[in-house]
């Protein structure tokens, strides 16, 4: 049985196997029932052991039905059970992102 049959990971290069190890696993860290909160970004900051994610497009509950919003969430991997919080921001339609410097993140935005 291969790793992809066990976990869903597909490795096409030995360097990926060095990152995941010989027996990678999948684990549900957090679940939100009100909106699809874990869509993109997936920015891990090792110094704080936090994971930053962006939601899918959601209808803004404070605006008209045609206005959309993307939520940014910080998942704290230091707690047991793991906790997460929505981060208030003025970033419009956040999408993907990357580590920026030692302990910063850069969120990219998408158009309407």
PDB file of N, CA and C in Angstrom:
ATOM      1  N   UNK A   1       0.853  -1.184   0.000  1.00  0.00           N
ATOM      2  CA  UNK A   1       0.000   0.000   0.000  1.00  0.00           C
ATOM      3  C   UNK A   1       0.894   1.242   0.000  1.00  0.00           C
ATOM      4  N   UNK A   2       0.560   2.225  -0.821  1.00  0.00           N
ATOM      5  CA  UNK A   2       1.372   3.436  -0.920  1.00  0.00           C
ATOM      6  C   UNK A   2       0.856   4.522   0.022  1.00  0.00           C
ATOM      7  N   UNK A   3       1.695   5.565   0.258  1.00  0.00           N
ATOM      8  CA  UNK A   3       1.280   6.689   1.101  1.00  0.00           C
ATOM      9  C   UNK A   3       0.009   7.333   0.580  1.00  0.00           C
ATOM     10  N   UNK A   4      -0.140   7.460  -0.749  1.00  0.00           N
ATOM     11  CA  UNK A   4      -1.323   8.116  -1.294  1.00  0.00           C
ATOM     12  C   UNK A   4      -2.579   7.300  -1.026  1.00  0.00           C
ATOM     13  N   UNK A   5      -2.472   5.973  -0.952  1.00  0.00           N
ATOM     14  CA  UNK A   5      -3.637   5.139  -0.635  1.00  0.00           C
ATOM     15  C   UNK A   5      -4.039   5.282   0.826  1.00  0.00           C
ATOM     16  N   UNK A   6      -3.088   5.589   1.692  1.00  0.00           N
ATOM     17  CA  UNK A   6      -3.360   5.721   3.117  1.00  0.00           C
ATOM     18  C   UNK A   6      -3.847   7.127   3.462  1.00  0.00           C
ATOM     19  N   UNK A   7      -3.181   8.151   2.928  1.00  0.00           N
ATOM     20  CA  UNK A   7      -3.435   9.517   3.386  1.00  0.00           C
ATOM     21  C   UNK A   7      -3.978  10.467   2.339  1.00  0.00           C
ATOM     22  N   UNK A   8      -3.851  10.171   1.082  1.00  0.00           N
ATOM     23  CA  UNK A   8      -4.236  11.114   0.049  1.00  0.00           C
ATOM     24  C   UNK A   8      -3.064  11.934  -0.455  1.00  0.00           C
ATOM     25  N   UNK A   9      -1.879  11.830   0.162  1.00  0.00           N
ATOM     26  CA  UNK A   9      -0.691  12.515  -0.329  1.00  0.00           C
ATOM     27  C   UNK A   9      -0.167  11.770  -1.543  1.00  0.00           C
ATOM     28  N   UNK A  10       0.232  12.519  -2.559  1.00  0.00           N
ATOM     29  CA  UNK A  10       0.895  11.919  -3.708  1.00  0.00           C
ATOM     30  C   UNK A  10       2.259  12.555  -3.842  1.00  0.00           C
ATOM     31  N   UNK A  11       3.281  11.738  -3.789  1.00  0.00           N
ATOM     32  CA  UNK A  11       4.653  12.218  -3.885  1.00  0.00           C
ATOM     33  C   UNK A  11       5.193  11.919  -5.270  1.00  0.00           C
ATOM     34  N   UNK A  12       5.753  12.961  -5.887  1.00  0.00           N
ATOM     35  CA  UNK A  12       6.357  12.787  -7.198  1.00  0.00           C
ATOM     36  C   UNK A  12       7.848  13.086  -7.171  1.00  0.00           C
ATOM     37  N   UNK A  13       8.372  13.301  -5.966  1.00  0.00           N
ATOM     38  CA  UNK A  13       9.797  13.580  -5.833  1.00  0.00           C
ATOM     39  C   UNK A  13      10.243  13.175  -4.433  1.00  0.00           C
ATOM     40  N   UNK A  14      11.428  12.634  -4.326  1.00  0.00           N
ATOM     41  CA  UNK A  14      11.936  12.166  -3.035  1.00  0.00           C
ATOM     42  C   UNK A  14      12.047  13.279  -1.993  1.00  0.00           C
ATOM     43  N   UNK A  15      12.248  14.529  -2.439  1.00  0.00           N
ATOM     44  CA  UNK A  15      12.345  15.636  -1.478  1.00  0.00           C
ATOM     45  C   UNK A  15      11.035  15.858  -0.735  1.00  0.00           C
ATOM     46  N   UNK A  16       9.902  15.592  -1.377  1.00  0.00           N
ATOM     47  CA  UNK A  16       8.616  15.697  -0.691  1.00  0.00           C
ATOM     48  C   UNK A  16       8.522  14.643   0.406  1.00  0.00           C
ATOM     49  N   UNK A  17       8.979  13.438   0.120  1.00  0.00           N
ATOM     50  CA  UNK A  17       8.980  12.375   1.129  1.00  0.00           C
ATOM     51  C   UNK A  17       9.830  12.757   2.332  1.00  0.00           C
ATOM     52  N   UNK A  18      10.896  13.515   2.104  1.00  0.00           N
ATOM     53  CA  UNK A  18      11.745  13.964   3.210  1.00  0.00           C
ATOM     54  C   UNK A  18      10.989  14.945   4.110  1.00  0.00           C
ATOM     55  N   UNK A  19      10.062  15.702   3.545  1.00  0.00           N
ATOM     56  CA  UNK A  19       9.258  16.651   4.336  1.00  0.00           C
ATOM     57  C   UNK A  19       8.179  15.922   5.115  1.00  0.00           C
ATOM     58  N   UNK A  20       7.449  15.020   4.465  1.00  0.00           N
ATOM     59  CA  UNK A  20       6.315  14.361   5.116  1.00  0.00           C
ATOM     60  C   UNK A  20       6.726  13.179   5.978  1.00  0.00           C
ATOM     61  N   UNK A  21       7.890  12.605   5.711  1.00  0.00           N
ATOM     62  CA  UNK A  21       8.290  11.402   6.433  1.00  0.00           C
ATOM     63  C   UNK A  21       7.680  10.168   5.794  1.00  0.00           C
ATOM     64  N   UNK A  22       8.020   8.996   6.302  1.00  0.00           N
ATOM     65  CA  UNK A  22       7.589   7.750   5.662  1.00  0.00           C
ATOM     66  C   UNK A  22       6.111   7.423   5.874  1.00  0.00           C
ATOM     67  N   UNK A  23       5.481   7.966   6.913  1.00  0.00           N
ATOM     68  CA  UNK A  23       4.084   7.641   7.187  1.00  0.00           C
ATOM     69  C   UNK A  23       3.275   8.914   7.509  1.00  0.00           C
ATOM     70  N   UNK A  24       3.056   9.778   6.515  1.00  0.00           N
ATOM     71  CA  UNK A  24       2.305  11.005   6.774  1.00  0.00           C
ATOM     72  C   UNK A  24       0.856  10.693   7.132  1.00  0.00           C
ATOM     73  N   UNK A  25       0.258  11.561   7.926  1.00  0.00           N
ATOM     74  CA  UNK A  25      -1.143  11.389   8.310  1.00  0.00           C
ATOM     75  C   UNK A  25      -1.899  12.692   8.081  1.00  0.00           C
ATOM     76  N   UNK A  26      -3.207  12.590   7.972  1.00  0.00           N
ATOM     77  CA  UNK A  26      -4.087  13.745   7.873  1.00  0.00           C
ATOM     78  C   UNK A  26      -4.842  13.866   9.187  1.00  0.00           C
ATOM     79  N   UNK A  27      -5.045  15.103   9.635  1.00  0.00           N
ATOM     80  CA  UNK A  27      -5.745  15.326  10.892  1.00  0.00           C
ATOM     81  C   UNK A  27      -6.629  16.561  10.754  1.00  0.00           C
ATOM     82  N   UNK A  28      -7.884  16.457  11.149  1.00  0.00           N
ATOM     83  CA  UNK A  28      -8.782  17.597  11.146  1.00  0.00           C
ATOM     84  C   UNK A  28      -8.412  18.492  12.324  1.00  0.00           C
ATOM     85  N   UNK A  29      -7.970  19.727  12.023  1.00  0.00           N
ATOM     86  CA  UNK A  29      -7.536  20.657  13.068  1.00  0.00           C
ATOM     87  C   UNK A  29      -8.688  21.476  13.622  1.00  0.00           C
ATOM     88  N   UNK A  30      -9.587  21.902  12.752  1.00  0.00           N
ATOM     89  CA  UNK A  30     -10.683  22.765  13.173  1.00  0.00           C
ATOM     90  C   UNK A  30     -11.822  22.623  12.174  1.00  0.00           C
ATOM     91  N   UNK A  31     -13.016  22.882  12.648  1.00  0.00           N
ATOM     92  CA  UNK A  31     -14.193  22.781  11.801  1.00  0.00           C
ATOM     93  C   UNK A  31     -15.118  23.945  12.130  1.00  0.00           C
ATOM     94  N   UNK A  32     -15.660  24.568  11.096  1.00  0.00           N
ATOM     95  CA  UNK A  32     -16.553  25.708  11.282  1.00  0.00           C
ATOM     96  C   UNK A  32     -17.826  25.406  10.507  1.00  0.00           C
ATOM     97  N   UNK A  33     -18.962  25.519  11.139  1.00  0.00           N
ATOM     98  CA  UNK A  33     -20.206  25.114  10.491  1.00  0.00           C
ATOM     99  C   UNK A  33     -20.938  26.247   9.777  1.00  0.00           C
ATOM    100  N   UNK A  34     -20.563  27.496  10.048  1.00  0.00           N
ATOM    101  CA  UNK A  34     -21.316  28.619   9.489  1.00  0.00           C
ATOM    102  C   UNK A  34     -20.889  29.010   8.080  1.00  0.00           C
ATOM    103  N   UNK A  35     -19.660  28.780   7.712  1.00  0.00           N
ATOM    104  CA  UNK A  35     -19.176  29.133   6.375  1.00  0.00           C
ATOM    105  C   UNK A  35     -17.922  28.326   6.074  1.00  0.00           C
ATOM    106  N   UNK A  36     -17.554  28.199   4.784  1.00  0.00           N
ATOM    107  CA  UNK A  36     -16.363  27.412   4.408  1.00  0.00           C
ATOM    108  C   UNK A  36     -15.084  28.187   4.735  1.00  0.00           C
ATOM    109  N   UNK A  37     -14.635  28.099   5.979  1.00  0.00           N
ATOM    110  CA  UNK A  37     -13.564  28.966   6.491  1.00  0.00           C
ATOM    111  C   UNK A  37     -12.162  28.533   6.083  1.00  0.00           C
ATOM    112  N   UNK A  38     -11.963  27.302   5.688  1.00  0.00           N
ATOM    113  CA  UNK A  38     -10.616  26.832   5.326  1.00  0.00           C
ATOM    114  C   UNK A  38     -10.589  26.526   3.835  1.00  0.00           C
ATOM    115  N   UNK A  39     -10.212  27.542   3.052  1.00  0.00           N
ATOM    116  CA  UNK A  39     -10.228  27.377   1.603  1.00  0.00           C
ATOM    117  C   UNK A  39      -8.824  27.462   1.011  1.00  0.00           C
ATOM    118  N   UNK A  40      -8.077  28.535   1.338  1.00  0.00           N
ATOM    119  CA  UNK A  40      -6.740  28.701   0.769  1.00  0.00           C
ATOM    120  C   UNK A  40      -5.789  29.308   1.793  1.00  0.00           C
ATOM    121  N   UNK A  41      -4.650  29.697   1.333  1.00  0.00           N
ATOM    122  CA  UNK A  41      -3.539  30.291   2.084  1.00  0.00           C
ATOM    123  C   UNK A  41      -2.724  29.173   2.719  1.00  0.00           C
ATOM    124  N   UNK A  42      -3.094  28.659   3.881  1.00  0.00           N
ATOM    125  CA  UNK A  42      -2.296  27.621   4.506  1.00  0.00           C
ATOM    126  C   UNK A  42      -0.886  28.074   4.801  1.00  0.00           C
ATOM    127  N   UNK A  43      -0.767  29.216   5.496  1.00  0.00           N
ATOM    128  CA  UNK A  43       0.542  29.789   5.803  1.00  0.00           C
ATOM    129  C   UNK A  43       0.940  29.349   7.204  1.00  0.00           C
ATOM    130  N   UNK A  44       2.011  28.592   7.304  1.00  0.00           N
ATOM    131  CA  UNK A  44       2.484  28.124   8.608  1.00  0.00           C
ATOM    132  C   UNK A  44       3.662  28.982   9.054  1.00  0.00           C
ATOM    133  N   UNK A  45       3.600  29.481  10.291  1.00  0.00           N
ATOM    134  CA  UNK A  45       4.691  30.268  10.878  1.00  0.00           C
ATOM    135  C   UNK A  45       5.325  29.427  11.992  1.00  0.00           C
ATOM    136  N   UNK A  46       6.493  28.840  11.750  1.00  0.00           N
ATOM    137  CA  UNK A  46       7.120  27.964  12.744  1.00  0.00           C
ATOM    138  C   UNK A  46       7.413  28.670  14.070  1.00  0.00           C
ATOM    139  N   UNK A  47       7.799  29.964  14.014  1.00  0.00           N
ATOM    140  CA  UNK A  47       8.177  30.677  15.243  1.00  0.00           C
ATOM    141  C   UNK A  47       7.024  30.800  16.227  1.00  0.00           C
ATOM    142  N   UNK A  48       5.798  30.867  15.719  1.00  0.00           N
ATOM    143  CA  UNK A  48       4.632  30.978  16.606  1.00  0.00           C
ATOM    144  C   UNK A  48       3.803  29.706  16.645  1.00  0.00           C
ATOM    145  N   UNK A  49       4.099  28.761  15.761  1.00  0.00           N
ATOM    146  CA  UNK A  49       3.337  27.524  15.616  1.00  0.00           C
ATOM    147  C   UNK A  49       1.865  27.828  15.317  1.00  0.00           C
ATOM    148  N   UNK A  50       1.656  28.810  14.423  1.00  0.00           N
ATOM    149  CA  UNK A  50       0.320  29.202  13.984  1.00  0.00           C
ATOM    150  C   UNK A  50       0.166  28.924  12.501  1.00  0.00           C
ATOM    151  N   UNK A  51      -1.061  28.630  12.114  1.00  0.00           N
ATOM    152  CA  UNK A  51      -1.426  28.414  10.722  1.00  0.00           C
ATOM    153  C   UNK A  51      -2.466  29.462  10.351  1.00  0.00           C
ATOM    154  N   UNK A  52      -2.268  30.157   9.246  1.00  0.00           N
ATOM    155  CA  UNK A  52      -3.190  31.190   8.767  1.00  0.00           C
ATOM    156  C   UNK A  52      -3.893  30.664   7.526  1.00  0.00           C
ATOM    157  N   UNK A  53      -5.223  30.818   7.464  1.00  0.00           N
ATOM    158  CA  UNK A  53      -5.993  30.345   6.313  1.00  0.00           C
ATOM    159  C   UNK A  53      -7.011  31.404   5.894  1.00  0.00           C
ATOM    160  N   UNK A  54      -7.423  31.324   4.643  1.00  0.00           N
ATOM    161  CA  UNK A  54      -8.478  32.203   4.152  1.00  0.00           C
ATOM    162  C   UNK A  54      -9.693  31.356   3.800  1.00  0.00           C
ATOM    163  N   UNK A  55     -10.873  31.954   3.966  1.00  0.00           N
ATOM    164  CA  UNK A  55     -12.116  31.247   3.660  1.00  0.00           C
ATOM    165  C   UNK A  55     -12.399  31.285   2.165  1.00  0.00           C
ATOM    166  N   UNK A  56     -13.431  30.585   1.792  1.00  0.00           N
ATOM    167  CA  UNK A  56     -13.960  30.723   0.449  1.00  0.00           C
ATOM    168  C   UNK A  56     -14.750  32.027   0.401  1.00  0.00           C
ATOM    169  N   UNK A  57     -15.240  32.436  -0.758  1.00  0.00           N
ATOM    170  CA  UNK A  57     -16.072  33.643  -0.845  1.00  0.00           C
ATOM    171  C   UNK A  57     -17.363  33.416  -0.062  1.00  0.00           C
ATOM    172  N   UNK A  58     -17.707  34.373   0.772  1.00  0.00           N
ATOM    173  CA  UNK A  58     -18.916  34.298   1.588  1.00  0.00           C
ATOM    174  C   UNK A  58     -19.714  35.582   1.391  1.00  0.00           C
ATOM    175  N   UNK A  59     -21.017  35.496   1.559  1.00  0.00           N
ATOM    176  CA  UNK A  59     -21.837  36.697   1.536  1.00  0.00           C
ATOM    177  C   UNK A  59     -21.572  37.449   2.828  1.00  0.00           C
ATOM    178  N   UNK A  60     -21.265  38.729   2.727  1.00  0.00           N
ATOM    179  CA  UNK A  60     -20.984  39.561   3.900  1.00  0.00           C
ATOM    180  C   UNK A  60     -22.269  39.744   4.700  1.00  0.00           C
ATOM    181  N   UNK A  61     -22.330  39.240   5.946  1.00  0.00           N
ATOM    182  CA  UNK A  61     -23.570  39.349   6.733  1.00  0.00           C
ATOM    183  C   UNK A  61     -23.920  40.794   7.083  1.00  0.00           C
ATOM    184  N   UNK A  62     -22.969  41.707   6.999  1.00  0.00           N
ATOM    185  CA  UNK A  62     -23.228  43.105   7.324  1.00  0.00           C
ATOM    186  C   UNK A  62     -23.533  43.948   6.099  1.00  0.00           C
ATOM    187  N   UNK A  63     -23.450  43.358   4.922  1.00  0.00           N
ATOM    188  CA  UNK A  63     -23.659  44.115   3.687  1.00  0.00           C
ATOM    189  C   UNK A  63     -24.836  43.565   2.917  1.00  0.00           C
ATOM    190  N   UNK A  64     -24.955  44.006   1.672  1.00  0.00           N
ATOM    191  CA  UNK A  64     -26.036  43.514   0.830  1.00  0.00           C
ATOM    192  C   UNK A  64     -25.721  42.089   0.396  1.00  0.00           C
ATOM    193  N   UNK A  65     -26.725  41.418  -0.113  1.00  0.00           N
ATOM    194  CA  UNK A  65     -26.539  40.027  -0.523  1.00  0.00           C
ATOM    195  C   UNK A  65     -25.539  39.886  -1.670  1.00  0.00           C
ATOM    196  N   UNK A  66     -25.329  40.954  -2.424  1.00  0.00           N
ATOM    197  CA  UNK A  66     -24.390  40.870  -3.539  1.00  0.00           C
ATOM    198  C   UNK A  66     -22.943  41.077  -3.105  1.00  0.00           C
ATOM    199  N   UNK A  67     -22.719  41.620  -1.902  1.00  0.00           N
ATOM    200  CA  UNK A  67     -21.350  41.836  -1.424  1.00  0.00           C
ATOM    201  C   UNK A  67     -20.774  40.524  -0.894  1.00  0.00           C
ATOM    202  N   UNK A  68     -19.524  40.283  -1.235  1.00  0.00           N
ATOM    203  CA  UNK A  68     -18.862  39.072  -0.762  1.00  0.00           C
ATOM    204  C   UNK A  68     -17.694  39.439   0.135  1.00  0.00           C
ATOM    205  N   UNK A  69     -17.306  38.485   0.961  1.00  0.00           N
ATOM    206  CA  UNK A  69     -16.238  38.697   1.926  1.00  0.00           C
ATOM    207  C   UNK A  69     -15.429  37.419   2.018  1.00  0.00           C
ATOM    208  N   UNK A  70     -14.147  37.567   2.318  1.00  0.00           N
ATOM    209  CA  UNK A  70     -13.289  36.426   2.616  1.00  0.00           C
ATOM    210  C   UNK A  70     -12.746  36.636   4.019  1.00  0.00           C
ATOM    211  N   UNK A  71     -12.900  35.643   4.862  1.00  0.00           N
ATOM    212  CA  UNK A  71     -12.436  35.717   6.250  1.00  0.00           C
ATOM    213  C   UNK A  71     -11.023  35.165   6.361  1.00  0.00           C
ATOM    214  N   UNK A  72     -10.230  35.747   7.250  1.00  0.00           N
ATOM    215  CA  UNK A  72      -8.887  35.260   7.532  1.00  0.00           C
ATOM    216  C   UNK A  72      -8.896  34.702   8.953  1.00  0.00           C
ATOM    217  N   UNK A  73      -8.393  33.496   9.111  1.00  0.00           N
ATOM    218  CA  UNK A  73      -8.413  32.804  10.396  1.00  0.00           C
ATOM    219  C   UNK A  73      -7.008  32.403  10.795  1.00  0.00           C
ATOM    220  N   UNK A  74      -6.695  32.584  12.083  1.00  0.00           N
ATOM    221  CA  UNK A  74      -5.429  32.116  12.649  1.00  0.00           C
ATOM    222  C   UNK A  74      -5.728  30.887  13.503  1.00  0.00           C
ATOM    223  N   UNK A  75      -5.073  29.778  13.183  1.00  0.00           N
ATOM    224  CA  UNK A  75      -5.225  28.534  13.935  1.00  0.00           C
ATOM    225  C   UNK A  75      -4.023  28.405  14.858  1.00  0.00           C
ATOM    226  N   UNK A  76      -4.273  28.335  16.155  1.00  0.00           N
ATOM    227  CA  UNK A  76      -3.203  28.225  17.149  1.00  0.00           C
ATOM    228  C   UNK A  76      -2.934  26.750  17.417  1.00  0.00           C
ATOM    229  N   UNK A  77      -1.798  26.272  16.945  1.00  0.00           N
ATOM    230  CA  UNK A  77      -1.445  24.860  17.095  1.00  0.00           C
ATOM    231  C   UNK A  77      -0.781  24.565  18.439  1.00  0.00           C
ATOM    232  N   UNK A  78      -0.670  25.580  19.302  1.00  0.00           N
ATOM    233  CA  UNK A  78      -0.067  25.398  20.629  1.00  0.00           C
ATOM    234  C   UNK A  78      -1.062  24.911  21.663  1.00  0.00           C
ATOM    235  N   UNK A  79      -2.341  25.007  21.376  1.00  0.00           N
ATOM    236  CA  UNK A  79      -3.366  24.679  22.360  1.00  0.00           C
ATOM    237  C   UNK A  79      -3.883  23.264  22.157  1.00  0.00           C
ATOM    238  N   UNK A  80      -4.437  22.697  23.203  1.00  0.00           N
ATOM    239  CA  UNK A  80      -5.026  21.372  23.126  1.00  0.00           C
ATOM    240  C   UNK A  80      -6.352  21.391  23.877  1.00  0.00           C
ATOM    241  N   UNK A  81      -7.483  21.363  23.203  1.00  0.00           N
ATOM    242  CA  UNK A  81      -7.623  21.209  21.765  1.00  0.00           C
ATOM    243  C   UNK A  81      -7.181  22.468  21.023  1.00  0.00           C
ATOM    244  N   UNK A  82      -6.924  22.308  19.747  1.00  0.00           N
ATOM    245  CA  UNK A  82      -6.489  23.415  18.897  1.00  0.00           C
ATOM    246  C   UNK A  82      -7.588  24.466  18.838  1.00  0.00           C
ATOM    247  N   UNK A  83      -7.195  25.735  18.907  1.00  0.00           N
ATOM    248  CA  UNK A  83      -8.166  26.820  18.835  1.00  0.00           C
ATOM    249  C   UNK A  83      -7.918  27.648  17.579  1.00  0.00           C
ATOM    250  N   UNK A  84      -8.933  28.414  17.198  1.00  0.00           N
ATOM    251  CA  UNK A  84      -8.788  29.292  16.046  1.00  0.00           C
ATOM    252  C   UNK A  84      -9.620  30.536  16.267  1.00  0.00           C
ATOM    253  N   UNK A  85      -9.196  31.612  15.586  1.00  0.00           N
ATOM    254  CA  UNK A  85      -9.934  32.863  15.704  1.00  0.00           C
ATOM    255  C   UNK A  85      -9.941  33.586  14.370  1.00  0.00           C
ATOM    256  N   UNK A  86     -11.071  34.223  14.097  1.00  0.00           N
ATOM    257  CA  UNK A  86     -11.188  35.062  12.911  1.00  0.00           C
ATOM    258  C   UNK A  86     -10.475  36.372  13.190  1.00  0.00           C
ATOM    259  N   UNK A  87      -9.658  36.816  12.253  1.00  0.00           N
ATOM    260  CA  UNK A  87      -8.867  38.035  12.419  1.00  0.00           C
ATOM    261  C   UNK A  87      -9.576  39.197  11.730  1.00  0.00           C
ATOM    262  N   UNK A  88      -9.948  40.240  12.484  1.00  0.00           N
ATOM    263  CA  UNK A  88     -10.557  41.412  11.841  1.00  0.00           C
ATOM    264  C   UNK A  88      -9.540  42.081  10.921  1.00  0.00           C
ATOM    265  N   UNK A  89      -9.953  42.396   9.713  1.00  0.00           N
ATOM    266  CA  UNK A  89      -9.033  42.983   8.755  1.00  0.00           C
ATOM    267  C   UNK A  89      -9.790  43.795   7.716  1.00  0.00           C
ATOM    268  N   UNK A  90      -9.085  44.693   7.092  1.00  0.00           N
ATOM    269  CA  UNK A  90      -9.625  45.471   5.975  1.00  0.00           C
ATOM    270  C   UNK A  90      -9.189  44.888   4.635  1.00  0.00           C
ATOM    271  N   UNK A  91      -8.537  43.730   4.651  1.00  0.00           N
ATOM    272  CA  UNK A  91      -8.075  43.104   3.412  1.00  0.00           C
ATOM    273  C   UNK A  91      -9.298  42.640   2.622  1.00  0.00           C
ATOM    274  N   UNK A  92      -9.474  43.156   1.402  1.00  0.00           N
ATOM    275  CA  UNK A  92     -10.640  42.745   0.613  1.00  0.00           C
ATOM    276  C   UNK A  92     -10.361  41.442  -0.129  1.00  0.00           C
ATOM    277  N   UNK A  93     -11.202  40.458   0.034  1.00  0.00           N
ATOM    278  CA  UNK A  93     -11.141  39.218  -0.735  1.00  0.00           C
ATOM    279  C   UNK A  93      -9.775  38.538  -0.672  1.00  0.00           C
ATOM    280  N   UNK A  94      -9.264  38.335   0.547  1.00  0.00           N
ATOM    281  CA  UNK A  94      -7.998  37.630   0.722  1.00  0.00           C
ATOM    282  C   UNK A  94      -8.050  36.272   0.047  1.00  0.00           C
ATOM    283  N   UNK A  95      -6.922  35.821  -0.423  1.00  0.00           N
ATOM    284  CA  UNK A  95      -6.881  34.553  -1.134  1.00  0.00           C
ATOM    285  C   UNK A  95      -5.721  33.733  -0.595  1.00  0.00           C
ATOM    286  N   UNK A  96      -4.681  33.543  -1.368  1.00  0.00           N
ATOM    287  CA  UNK A  96      -3.512  32.809  -0.914  1.00  0.00           C
ATOM    288  C   UNK A  96      -2.568  33.716  -0.152  1.00  0.00           C
ATOM    289  N   UNK A  97      -1.464  33.152   0.289  1.00  0.00           N
ATOM    290  CA  UNK A  97      -0.478  33.936   1.006  1.00  0.00           C
ATOM    291  C   UNK A  97       0.800  33.155   1.222  1.00  0.00           C
ATOM    292  N   UNK A  98       1.794  33.838   1.777  1.00  0.00           N
ATOM    293  CA  UNK A  98       3.093  33.211   2.048  1.00  0.00           C
ATOM    294  C   UNK A  98       3.683  33.771   3.339  1.00  0.00           C
ATOM    295  N   UNK A  99       4.670  33.060   3.882  1.00  0.00           N
ATOM    296  CA  UNK A  99       5.483  33.600   4.980  1.00  0.00           C
ATOM    297  C   UNK A  99       6.231  34.797   4.417  1.00  0.00           C
ATOM    298  N   UNK A 100       6.331  35.848   5.212  1.00  0.00           N
ATOM    299  CA  UNK A 100       7.034  37.042   4.762  1.00  0.00           C
ATOM    300  C   UNK A 100       7.957  37.470   5.882  1.00  0.00           C
ATOM    301  N   UNK A 101       9.227  37.183   5.706  1.00  0.00           N
ATOM    302  CA  UNK A 101      10.154  37.457   6.792  1.00  0.00           C
ATOM    303  C   UNK A 101      10.050  36.368   7.857  1.00  0.00           C
ATOM    304  N   UNK A 102      10.556  36.668   9.014  1.00  0.00           N
ATOM    305  CA  UNK A 102      10.629  35.665  10.075  1.00  0.00           C
ATOM    306  C   UNK A 102       9.278  35.333  10.711  1.00  0.00           C
ATOM    307  N   UNK A 103       8.446  36.337  10.953  1.00  0.00           N
ATOM    308  CA  UNK A 103       7.179  36.061  11.636  1.00  0.00           C
ATOM    309  C   UNK A 103       6.025  36.900  11.094  1.00  0.00           C
ATOM    310  N   UNK A 104       6.073  37.173   9.784  1.00  0.00           N
ATOM    311  CA  UNK A 104       5.018  37.942   9.139  1.00  0.00           C
ATOM    312  C   UNK A 104       4.380  37.109   8.038  1.00  0.00           C
ATOM    313  N   UNK A 105       3.192  37.529   7.614  1.00  0.00           N
ATOM    314  CA  UNK A 105       2.540  36.878   6.484  1.00  0.00           C
ATOM    315  C   UNK A 105       2.173  37.929   5.450  1.00  0.00           C
ATOM    316  N   UNK A 106       2.078  37.501   4.206  1.00  0.00           N
ATOM    317  CA  UNK A 106       1.647  38.347   3.120  1.00  0.00           C
ATOM    318  C   UNK A 106       0.432  37.656   2.509  1.00  0.00           C
ATOM    319  N   UNK A 107      -0.721  38.353   2.536  1.00  0.00           N
ATOM    320  CA  UNK A 107      -1.951  37.812   1.976  1.00  0.00           C
ATOM    321  C   UNK A 107      -2.181  38.441   0.614  1.00  0.00           C
ATOM    322  N   UNK A 108      -2.401  37.623  -0.376  1.00  0.00           N
ATOM    323  CA  UNK A 108      -2.743  38.108  -1.711  1.00  0.00           C
ATOM    324  C   UNK A 108      -4.263  38.261  -1.786  1.00  0.00           C
ATOM    325  N   UNK A 109      -4.731  39.146  -2.650  1.00  0.00           N
ATOM    326  CA  UNK A 109      -6.178  39.331  -2.804  1.00  0.00           C
ATOM    327  C   UNK A 109      -6.599  38.946  -4.211  1.00  0.00           C
ATOM    328  N   UNK A 110      -7.876  38.647  -4.340  1.00  0.00           N
ATOM    329  CA  UNK A 110      -8.418  38.308  -5.656  1.00  0.00           C
ATOM    330  C   UNK A 110      -9.449  39.355  -6.061  1.00  0.00           C
ATOM    331  N   UNK A 111      -9.700  39.424  -7.336  1.00  0.00           N
ATOM    332  CA  UNK A 111     -10.681  40.377  -7.845  1.00  0.00           C
ATOM    333  C   UNK A 111     -12.098  39.900  -7.595  1.00  0.00           C
ATOM    334  N   UNK A 112     -13.080  40.722  -7.947  1.00  0.00           N
ATOM    335  CA  UNK A 112     -14.494  40.385  -7.706  1.00  0.00           C
ATOM    336  C   UNK A 112     -14.986  39.202  -8.472  1.00  0.00           C
TER     337      UNK A 112
END
